[in-house]
């Protein structure tokens, strides 16, 4: 299975975000997807889809994504407004509590798309009601490998975003580890490409598609960078997964190999 990941697009209906035009930036990402992986099975937007939760922002987002032919799943982040998102996209799957949570089962794996947003707060939330849904889906998956997609990390990364990680993450960890079938967590929110493990669970985060956080470990306050603007290309095959990062801004010249020497193509 081939999946495209876009994290933290922070779209607006025309205004700049930290000096960046998010519509122009997303258009570059979409063009890269069309060029590199037009045959992808799925595209996942990893939350903070818009900057301020506005209806105009979501409509602009949909307009930018129109060229993509694959199905799209949207995660909710702290910059999103769940009610407005559902107003603009009423067809989105949700759980019994109205949270934007859904699952996708293939022949070889199960994908779970979680809602970690809490209205009016930056902090991540995975309350008991959401956990009930997760328990059921993990049980239903049986022995199939499960891959989880969520906006907020439930663990510390050493960056300033740690103040807004998922609150009460111990309960989430207990549910996931008890199931025994979760293979990897894919996350947004940090605006940094990183990977690691958390109590035996491996995880990966992505640079923001709109802007990135500079490398500054705590206790430093954040500085922001205008790039790289990454798309993620995720290849899944049961218990095997590979995530490739593709920068859509810093495109370096190709280097041709002639057999005797290496030179930059013009």
C-alpha atoms as a PDB file:
ATOM      1  CA  UNK A   1       0.000   0.000   0.000  1.00  0.00           C
ATOM      2  CA  UNK A   2       1.286   3.453  -0.946  1.00  0.00           C
ATOM      3  CA  UNK A   3       0.217   6.392   1.240  1.00  0.00           C
ATOM      4  CA  UNK A   4       1.074  10.090   0.965  1.00  0.00           C
ATOM      5  CA  UNK A   5       1.375  12.067   4.207  1.00  0.00           C
ATOM      6  CA  UNK A   6       0.976  15.852   4.512  1.00  0.00           C
ATOM      7  CA  UNK A   7       1.519  17.372   7.949  1.00  0.00           C
ATOM      8  CA  UNK A   8       0.517  20.773   9.294  1.00  0.00           C
ATOM      9  CA  UNK A   9      -0.562  22.542   6.119  1.00  0.00           C
ATOM     10  CA  UNK A  10      -1.981  25.488   8.163  1.00  0.00           C
ATOM     11  CA  UNK A  11      -4.008  26.722   5.218  1.00  0.00           C
ATOM     12  CA  UNK A  12      -5.722  30.111   5.141  1.00  0.00           C
ATOM     13  CA  UNK A  13      -8.041  31.703   2.612  1.00  0.00           C
ATOM     14  CA  UNK A  14      -5.368  34.136   1.401  1.00  0.00           C
ATOM     15  CA  UNK A  15      -3.327  35.484   4.314  1.00  0.00           C
ATOM     16  CA  UNK A  16       0.273  34.589   5.122  1.00  0.00           C
ATOM     17  CA  UNK A  17       1.311  32.278   7.968  1.00  0.00           C
ATOM     18  CA  UNK A  18       4.672  33.249   9.507  1.00  0.00           C
ATOM     19  CA  UNK A  19       5.463  35.039   6.250  1.00  0.00           C
ATOM     20  CA  UNK A  20       4.627  32.013   4.097  1.00  0.00           C
ATOM     21  CA  UNK A  21       1.807  31.677   1.576  1.00  0.00           C
ATOM     22  CA  UNK A  22       0.303  28.331   2.672  1.00  0.00           C
ATOM     23  CA  UNK A  23      -1.763  27.977  -0.498  1.00  0.00           C
ATOM     24  CA  UNK A  24       1.309  28.311  -2.717  1.00  0.00           C
ATOM     25  CA  UNK A  25       3.185  25.901  -0.478  1.00  0.00           C
ATOM     26  CA  UNK A  26       0.425  23.291  -0.570  1.00  0.00           C
ATOM     27  CA  UNK A  27       0.166  23.643  -4.337  1.00  0.00           C
ATOM     28  CA  UNK A  28       3.863  22.727  -4.557  1.00  0.00           C
ATOM     29  CA  UNK A  29       3.214  19.651  -2.427  1.00  0.00           C
ATOM     30  CA  UNK A  30       0.252  18.600  -4.558  1.00  0.00           C
ATOM     31  CA  UNK A  31       2.299  19.050  -7.731  1.00  0.00           C
ATOM     32  CA  UNK A  32       5.052  16.863  -6.233  1.00  0.00           C
ATOM     33  CA  UNK A  33       2.514  14.169  -5.360  1.00  0.00           C
ATOM     34  CA  UNK A  34       1.127  14.235  -8.898  1.00  0.00           C
ATOM     35  CA  UNK A  35       4.632  13.891 -10.315  1.00  0.00           C
ATOM     36  CA  UNK A  36       6.040  11.270  -7.949  1.00  0.00           C
ATOM     37  CA  UNK A  37       3.138   9.157  -6.668  1.00  0.00           C
ATOM     38  CA  UNK A  38      -0.023   9.868  -8.655  1.00  0.00           C
ATOM     39  CA  UNK A  39      -0.953   6.221  -8.134  1.00  0.00           C
ATOM     40  CA  UNK A  40      -0.951   6.422  -4.312  1.00  0.00           C
ATOM     41  CA  UNK A  41      -3.746   4.492  -2.629  1.00  0.00           C
ATOM     42  CA  UNK A  42      -4.420   7.146   0.003  1.00  0.00           C
ATOM     43  CA  UNK A  43      -3.452  10.628   1.176  1.00  0.00           C
ATOM     44  CA  UNK A  44      -3.519  11.462   4.896  1.00  0.00           C
ATOM     45  CA  UNK A  45      -3.529  15.049   6.169  1.00  0.00           C
ATOM     46  CA  UNK A  46      -2.006  14.815   9.631  1.00  0.00           C
ATOM     47  CA  UNK A  47      -3.891  17.652  11.346  1.00  0.00           C
ATOM     48  CA  UNK A  48      -3.606  21.431  11.666  1.00  0.00           C
ATOM     49  CA  UNK A  49      -5.087  21.411   8.199  1.00  0.00           C
ATOM     50  CA  UNK A  50      -5.938  25.116   8.488  1.00  0.00           C
ATOM     51  CA  UNK A  51      -4.457  27.920  10.539  1.00  0.00           C
ATOM     52  CA  UNK A  52      -7.498  29.242  12.381  1.00  0.00           C
ATOM     53  CA  UNK A  53     -10.333  26.730  11.974  1.00  0.00           C
ATOM     54  CA  UNK A  54     -12.223  28.924   9.510  1.00  0.00           C
ATOM     55  CA  UNK A  55     -14.749  27.709   6.974  1.00  0.00           C
ATOM     56  CA  UNK A  56     -12.994  29.680   4.224  1.00  0.00           C
ATOM     57  CA  UNK A  57      -9.735  27.956   5.151  1.00  0.00           C
ATOM     58  CA  UNK A  58     -11.246  24.491   4.759  1.00  0.00           C
ATOM     59  CA  UNK A  59     -12.823  25.407   1.441  1.00  0.00           C
ATOM     60  CA  UNK A  60      -9.471  26.727   0.203  1.00  0.00           C
ATOM     61  CA  UNK A  61      -7.882  23.480   1.384  1.00  0.00           C
ATOM     62  CA  UNK A  62     -10.307  21.382  -0.635  1.00  0.00           C
ATOM     63  CA  UNK A  63      -9.676  23.527  -3.696  1.00  0.00           C
ATOM     64  CA  UNK A  64      -5.911  22.925  -3.425  1.00  0.00           C
ATOM     65  CA  UNK A  65      -6.436  19.177  -3.058  1.00  0.00           C
ATOM     66  CA  UNK A  66      -8.755  18.842  -6.074  1.00  0.00           C
ATOM     67  CA  UNK A  67      -6.018  17.579  -8.451  1.00  0.00           C
ATOM     68  CA  UNK A  68      -5.394  14.519  -6.242  1.00  0.00           C
ATOM     69  CA  UNK A  69      -7.265  11.433  -7.418  1.00  0.00           C
ATOM     70  CA  UNK A  70      -6.702   9.200  -4.381  1.00  0.00           C
ATOM     71  CA  UNK A  71      -8.995   9.106  -1.308  1.00  0.00           C
ATOM     72  CA  UNK A  72      -8.067  11.554   1.466  1.00  0.00           C
ATOM     73  CA  UNK A  73      -8.332  11.154   5.251  1.00  0.00           C
ATOM     74  CA  UNK A  74      -8.217  14.225   7.510  1.00  0.00           C
ATOM     75  CA  UNK A  75      -6.960  14.213  11.093  1.00  0.00           C
ATOM     76  CA  UNK A  76      -8.004  16.935  13.540  1.00  0.00           C
ATOM     77  CA  UNK A  77      -5.287  19.068  15.140  1.00  0.00           C
ATOM     78  CA  UNK A  78      -5.233  21.906  17.639  1.00  0.00           C
ATOM     79  CA  UNK A  79      -5.565  24.557  14.890  1.00  0.00           C
ATOM     80  CA  UNK A  80      -8.609  22.789  13.476  1.00  0.00           C
ATOM     81  CA  UNK A  81     -12.207  23.325  14.473  1.00  0.00           C
ATOM     82  CA  UNK A  82     -13.972  19.981  14.445  1.00  0.00           C
ATOM     83  CA  UNK A  83     -17.477  21.376  13.948  1.00  0.00           C
ATOM     84  CA  UNK A  84     -16.415  23.608  11.070  1.00  0.00           C
ATOM     85  CA  UNK A  85     -14.413  20.815   9.471  1.00  0.00           C
ATOM     86  CA  UNK A  86     -17.476  18.570   9.577  1.00  0.00           C
ATOM     87  CA  UNK A  87     -19.684  21.370   8.258  1.00  0.00           C
ATOM     88  CA  UNK A  88     -17.494  21.732   5.175  1.00  0.00           C
ATOM     89  CA  UNK A  89     -16.871  17.975   4.846  1.00  0.00           C
ATOM     90  CA  UNK A  90     -19.973  16.274   6.284  1.00  0.00           C
ATOM     91  CA  UNK A  91     -19.009  12.996   4.603  1.00  0.00           C
ATOM     92  CA  UNK A  92     -16.032  12.471   6.927  1.00  0.00           C
ATOM     93  CA  UNK A  93     -16.200   9.313   9.016  1.00  0.00           C
ATOM     94  CA  UNK A  94     -16.606   9.783  12.756  1.00  0.00           C
ATOM     95  CA  UNK A  95     -17.102   7.585  15.804  1.00  0.00           C
ATOM     96  CA  UNK A  96     -20.199   7.313  17.982  1.00  0.00           C
ATOM     97  CA  UNK A  97     -19.124  10.369  19.979  1.00  0.00           C
ATOM     98  CA  UNK A  98     -18.806  12.568  16.893  1.00  0.00           C
ATOM     99  CA  UNK A  99     -14.993  12.539  16.902  1.00  0.00           C
ATOM    100  CA  UNK A 100     -13.238  12.328  13.544  1.00  0.00           C
ATOM    101  CA  UNK A 101     -11.947   8.789  13.993  1.00  0.00           C
ATOM    102  CA  UNK A 102     -11.995   6.036  11.397  1.00  0.00           C
ATOM    103  CA  UNK A 103     -10.363   2.798  10.365  1.00  0.00           C
ATOM    104  CA  UNK A 104      -9.305   1.237   7.095  1.00  0.00           C
ATOM    105  CA  UNK A 105      -8.676  -2.495   6.772  1.00  0.00           C
ATOM    106  CA  UNK A 106      -6.699  -3.889   3.853  1.00  0.00           C
ATOM    107  CA  UNK A 107      -5.644  -7.437   3.039  1.00  0.00           C
ATOM    108  CA  UNK A 108      -2.430  -7.069   5.041  1.00  0.00           C
ATOM    109  CA  UNK A 109      -2.912  -4.329   7.672  1.00  0.00           C
ATOM    110  CA  UNK A 110      -5.317  -2.094   9.569  1.00  0.00           C
ATOM    111  CA  UNK A 111      -4.965   1.697   9.590  1.00  0.00           C
ATOM    112  CA  UNK A 112      -6.469   3.731  12.440  1.00  0.00           C
ATOM    113  CA  UNK A 113      -6.976   7.482  12.180  1.00  0.00           C
ATOM    114  CA  UNK A 114      -7.298   9.129  15.603  1.00  0.00           C
ATOM    115  CA  UNK A 115      -8.762  12.442  16.764  1.00  0.00           C
ATOM    116  CA  UNK A 116      -6.471  14.032  19.386  1.00  0.00           C
ATOM    117  CA  UNK A 117      -7.987  17.524  19.234  1.00  0.00           C
ATOM    118  CA  UNK A 118      -9.623  19.250  22.206  1.00  0.00           C
ATOM    119  CA  UNK A 119     -11.818  22.244  21.398  1.00  0.00           C
ATOM    120  CA  UNK A 120     -10.248  25.559  22.367  1.00  0.00           C
ATOM    121  CA  UNK A 121      -6.946  24.053  23.543  1.00  0.00           C
ATOM    122  CA  UNK A 122      -3.529  23.340  22.067  1.00  0.00           C
ATOM    123  CA  UNK A 123      -2.997  20.313  24.283  1.00  0.00           C
ATOM    124  CA  UNK A 124      -3.618  16.860  22.880  1.00  0.00           C
ATOM    125  CA  UNK A 125      -6.547  14.869  24.212  1.00  0.00           C
ATOM    126  CA  UNK A 126      -7.419  11.207  24.087  1.00  0.00           C
ATOM    127  CA  UNK A 127     -10.272  10.873  26.544  1.00  0.00           C
ATOM    128  CA  UNK A 128     -12.041   7.738  27.764  1.00  0.00           C
ATOM    129  CA  UNK A 129     -14.710   8.002  25.078  1.00  0.00           C
ATOM    130  CA  UNK A 130     -12.062   8.027  22.336  1.00  0.00           C
ATOM    131  CA  UNK A 131     -10.191   5.198  24.058  1.00  0.00           C
ATOM    132  CA  UNK A 132     -13.314   3.031  23.998  1.00  0.00           C
ATOM    133  CA  UNK A 133     -13.423   3.321  20.216  1.00  0.00           C
ATOM    134  CA  UNK A 134      -9.693   2.535  19.981  1.00  0.00           C
ATOM    135  CA  UNK A 135     -10.024  -0.574  22.146  1.00  0.00           C
ATOM    136  CA  UNK A 136     -12.787  -1.898  19.900  1.00  0.00           C
ATOM    137  CA  UNK A 137     -10.839  -1.282  16.711  1.00  0.00           C
ATOM    138  CA  UNK A 138      -7.667  -2.866  18.065  1.00  0.00           C
ATOM    139  CA  UNK A 139      -9.658  -5.911  19.138  1.00  0.00           C
ATOM    140  CA  UNK A 140     -11.338  -6.124  15.731  1.00  0.00           C
ATOM    141  CA  UNK A 141      -7.922  -6.025  14.017  1.00  0.00           C
ATOM    142  CA  UNK A 142      -6.965  -9.341  15.609  1.00  0.00           C
ATOM    143  CA  UNK A 143      -3.526 -10.478  14.476  1.00  0.00           C
ATOM    144  CA  UNK A 144      -3.255  -8.011  11.613  1.00  0.00           C
ATOM    145  CA  UNK A 145      -0.539  -5.346  12.051  1.00  0.00           C
ATOM    146  CA  UNK A 146      -2.017  -1.953  13.000  1.00  0.00           C
ATOM    147  CA  UNK A 147      -0.645   1.454  12.003  1.00  0.00           C
ATOM    148  CA  UNK A 148      -1.897   4.512  13.890  1.00  0.00           C
ATOM    149  CA  UNK A 149      -2.081   8.061  12.513  1.00  0.00           C
ATOM    150  CA  UNK A 150      -2.607  10.934  14.965  1.00  0.00           C
ATOM    151  CA  UNK A 151      -1.782  14.637  15.256  1.00  0.00           C
ATOM    152  CA  UNK A 152      -0.435  15.112  18.801  1.00  0.00           C
ATOM    153  CA  UNK A 153       2.367  12.899  20.128  1.00  0.00           C
ATOM    154  CA  UNK A 154       1.538  11.097  23.383  1.00  0.00           C
ATOM    155  CA  UNK A 155       5.224  11.241  24.389  1.00  0.00           C
ATOM    156  CA  UNK A 156       8.019  13.805  24.819  1.00  0.00           C
ATOM    157  CA  UNK A 157      10.311  14.692  21.929  1.00  0.00           C
ATOM    158  CA  UNK A 158      12.615  17.165  23.707  1.00  0.00           C
ATOM    159  CA  UNK A 159      11.124  20.146  21.876  1.00  0.00           C
ATOM    160  CA  UNK A 160       8.882  22.959  23.064  1.00  0.00           C
ATOM    161  CA  UNK A 161       5.824  21.170  21.630  1.00  0.00           C
ATOM    162  CA  UNK A 162       6.054  18.807  24.604  1.00  0.00           C
ATOM    163  CA  UNK A 163       3.850  21.183  26.595  1.00  0.00           C
ATOM    164  CA  UNK A 164       0.957  20.263  24.286  1.00  0.00           C
ATOM    165  CA  UNK A 165       1.439  16.508  24.000  1.00  0.00           C
ATOM    166  CA  UNK A 166      -1.522  14.209  24.651  1.00  0.00           C
ATOM    167  CA  UNK A 167      -2.684  14.640  28.239  1.00  0.00           C
ATOM    168  CA  UNK A 168      -2.960  11.470  30.354  1.00  0.00           C
ATOM    169  CA  UNK A 169      -0.955   9.507  27.792  1.00  0.00           C
ATOM    170  CA  UNK A 170      -0.454   6.582  30.205  1.00  0.00           C
ATOM    171  CA  UNK A 171      -3.993   5.355  29.534  1.00  0.00           C
ATOM    172  CA  UNK A 172      -3.415   5.498  25.793  1.00  0.00           C
ATOM    173  CA  UNK A 173      -0.146   3.598  26.158  1.00  0.00           C
ATOM    174  CA  UNK A 174      -1.812   0.900  28.263  1.00  0.00           C
ATOM    175  CA  UNK A 175      -4.510   0.295  25.650  1.00  0.00           C
ATOM    176  CA  UNK A 176      -2.089   0.178  22.726  1.00  0.00           C
ATOM    177  CA  UNK A 177       0.487  -2.078  24.373  1.00  0.00           C
ATOM    178  CA  UNK A 178      -2.165  -4.440  25.712  1.00  0.00           C
ATOM    179  CA  UNK A 179      -3.472  -4.999  22.178  1.00  0.00           C
ATOM    180  CA  UNK A 180      -0.058  -6.172  21.017  1.00  0.00           C
ATOM    181  CA  UNK A 181      -0.744  -5.540  17.321  1.00  0.00           C
ATOM    182  CA  UNK A 182       0.325  -1.885  16.870  1.00  0.00           C
ATOM    183  CA  UNK A 183       3.428  -1.636  14.717  1.00  0.00           C
ATOM    184  CA  UNK A 184       4.031   2.111  14.375  1.00  0.00           C
ATOM    185  CA  UNK A 185       2.677   5.587  15.181  1.00  0.00           C
ATOM    186  CA  UNK A 186       2.737   8.364  12.556  1.00  0.00           C
ATOM    187  CA  UNK A 187       2.322  11.908  13.902  1.00  0.00           C
ATOM    188  CA  UNK A 188       2.200  15.610  13.040  1.00  0.00           C
ATOM    189  CA  UNK A 189       2.241  18.662  15.346  1.00  0.00           C
ATOM    190  CA  UNK A 190       6.001  18.862  15.964  1.00  0.00           C
ATOM    191  CA  UNK A 191       6.919  20.437  12.592  1.00  0.00           C
ATOM    192  CA  UNK A 192      10.097  18.342  12.817  1.00  0.00           C
ATOM    193  CA  UNK A 193      11.074  15.120  11.067  1.00  0.00           C
ATOM    194  CA  UNK A 194      12.108  12.708  13.805  1.00  0.00           C
ATOM    195  CA  UNK A 195      11.727   9.113  14.900  1.00  0.00           C
ATOM    196  CA  UNK A 196      12.158   7.042  18.026  1.00  0.00           C
ATOM    197  CA  UNK A 197      10.545   4.545  20.342  1.00  0.00           C
ATOM    198  CA  UNK A 198       8.257   4.947  23.325  1.00  0.00           C
ATOM    199  CA  UNK A 199       7.966   2.010  25.687  1.00  0.00           C
ATOM    200  CA  UNK A 200       8.592  -0.347  22.801  1.00  0.00           C
ATOM    201  CA  UNK A 201       6.355   1.484  20.293  1.00  0.00           C
ATOM    202  CA  UNK A 202       8.169   2.991  17.330  1.00  0.00           C
ATOM    203  CA  UNK A 203       7.054   6.367  15.992  1.00  0.00           C
ATOM    204  CA  UNK A 204       7.754   8.961  13.293  1.00  0.00           C
ATOM    205  CA  UNK A 205       6.964  12.684  13.008  1.00  0.00           C
ATOM    206  CA  UNK A 206       7.186  14.964   9.985  1.00  0.00           C
ATOM    207  CA  UNK A 207       8.310  18.463   9.114  1.00  0.00           C
ATOM    208  CA  UNK A 208       5.365  20.789   8.635  1.00  0.00           C
ATOM    209  CA  UNK A 209       4.328  21.204   5.019  1.00  0.00           C
ATOM    210  CA  UNK A 210       3.832  24.931   5.625  1.00  0.00           C
ATOM    211  CA  UNK A 211       6.764  25.723   7.937  1.00  0.00           C
ATOM    212  CA  UNK A 212       9.199  23.834  10.154  1.00  0.00           C
ATOM    213  CA  UNK A 213      10.597  24.225  13.654  1.00  0.00           C
ATOM    214  CA  UNK A 214      14.310  24.911  13.896  1.00  0.00           C
ATOM    215  CA  UNK A 215      16.441  22.442  15.863  1.00  0.00           C
ATOM    216  CA  UNK A 216      16.306  23.804  19.405  1.00  0.00           C
ATOM    217  CA  UNK A 217      16.068  21.387  22.290  1.00  0.00           C
ATOM    218  CA  UNK A 218      14.354  22.403  25.520  1.00  0.00           C
ATOM    219  CA  UNK A 219      14.423  24.769  27.296  1.00  0.00           C
ATOM    220  CA  UNK A 220      14.806  26.891  24.138  1.00  0.00           C
ATOM    221  CA  UNK A 221      11.813  28.704  22.695  1.00  0.00           C
ATOM    222  CA  UNK A 222      11.055  27.894  19.051  1.00  0.00           C
ATOM    223  CA  UNK A 223      12.400  29.562  15.965  1.00  0.00           C
ATOM    224  CA  UNK A 224      10.750  28.729  12.672  1.00  0.00           C
ATOM    225  CA  UNK A 225      12.111  27.923   9.240  1.00  0.00           C
ATOM    226  CA  UNK A 226      10.446  28.368   5.848  1.00  0.00           C
ATOM    227  CA  UNK A 227      11.414  24.829   4.872  1.00  0.00           C
ATOM    228  CA  UNK A 228      11.923  22.097   4.125  1.00  0.00           C
ATOM    229  CA  UNK A 229       8.397  21.448   2.981  1.00  0.00           C
ATOM    230  CA  UNK A 230       8.155  17.672   3.024  1.00  0.00           C
ATOM    231  CA  UNK A 231       5.703  15.182   1.730  1.00  0.00           C
ATOM    232  CA  UNK A 232       5.885  11.703   3.196  1.00  0.00           C
ATOM    233  CA  UNK A 233       5.624   8.636   0.984  1.00  0.00           C
ATOM    234  CA  UNK A 234       4.732   5.631   3.122  1.00  0.00           C
ATOM    235  CA  UNK A 235       4.988   2.082   1.819  1.00  0.00           C
ATOM    236  CA  UNK A 236       3.132  -0.565   3.826  1.00  0.00           C
ATOM    237  CA  UNK A 237       3.172  -4.305   3.328  1.00  0.00           C
ATOM    238  CA  UNK A 238       1.804  -6.061   6.377  1.00  0.00           C
ATOM    239  CA  UNK A 239       4.562  -6.047   8.996  1.00  0.00           C
ATOM    240  CA  UNK A 240       6.883  -4.015   6.751  1.00  0.00           C
ATOM    241  CA  UNK A 241       6.792  -0.212   6.569  1.00  0.00           C
ATOM    242  CA  UNK A 242       9.058   2.425   5.030  1.00  0.00           C
ATOM    243  CA  UNK A 243       8.520   6.197   5.166  1.00  0.00           C
ATOM    244  CA  UNK A 244      10.371   8.302   2.587  1.00  0.00           C
ATOM    245  CA  UNK A 245      10.664  12.081   2.965  1.00  0.00           C
ATOM    246  CA  UNK A 246      10.613  14.214  -0.175  1.00  0.00           C
ATOM    247  CA  UNK A 247      11.496  17.918   0.038  1.00  0.00           C
ATOM    248  CA  UNK A 248       9.457  19.949  -2.457  1.00  0.00           C
ATOM    249  CA  UNK A 249      11.523  23.146  -2.013  1.00  0.00           C
ATOM    250  CA  UNK A 250      15.235  22.317  -1.977  1.00  0.00           C
ATOM    251  CA  UNK A 251      15.315  20.390  -5.219  1.00  0.00           C
ATOM    252  CA  UNK A 252      18.984  19.742  -5.951  1.00  0.00           C
ATOM    253  CA  UNK A 253      20.305  19.030  -9.465  1.00  0.00           C
ATOM    254  CA  UNK A 254      20.408  15.400 -10.473  1.00  0.00           C
ATOM    255  CA  UNK A 255      23.838  13.782 -10.569  1.00  0.00           C
ATOM    256  CA  UNK A 256      24.483  11.568 -13.563  1.00  0.00           C
ATOM    257  CA  UNK A 257      26.693   8.501 -13.271  1.00  0.00           C
ATOM    258  CA  UNK A 258      28.716   7.886 -16.418  1.00  0.00           C
ATOM    259  CA  UNK A 259      30.607   4.854 -15.197  1.00  0.00           C
ATOM    260  CA  UNK A 260      33.901   6.679 -14.663  1.00  0.00           C
ATOM    261  CA  UNK A 261      32.929  10.027 -13.137  1.00  0.00           C
ATOM    262  CA  UNK A 262      30.010  11.748 -11.468  1.00  0.00           C
ATOM    263  CA  UNK A 263      28.900  15.166 -12.654  1.00  0.00           C
ATOM    264  CA  UNK A 264      25.964  17.433 -12.045  1.00  0.00           C
ATOM    265  CA  UNK A 265      23.434  17.563 -14.844  1.00  0.00           C
ATOM    266  CA  UNK A 266      22.622  20.973 -16.228  1.00  0.00           C
END
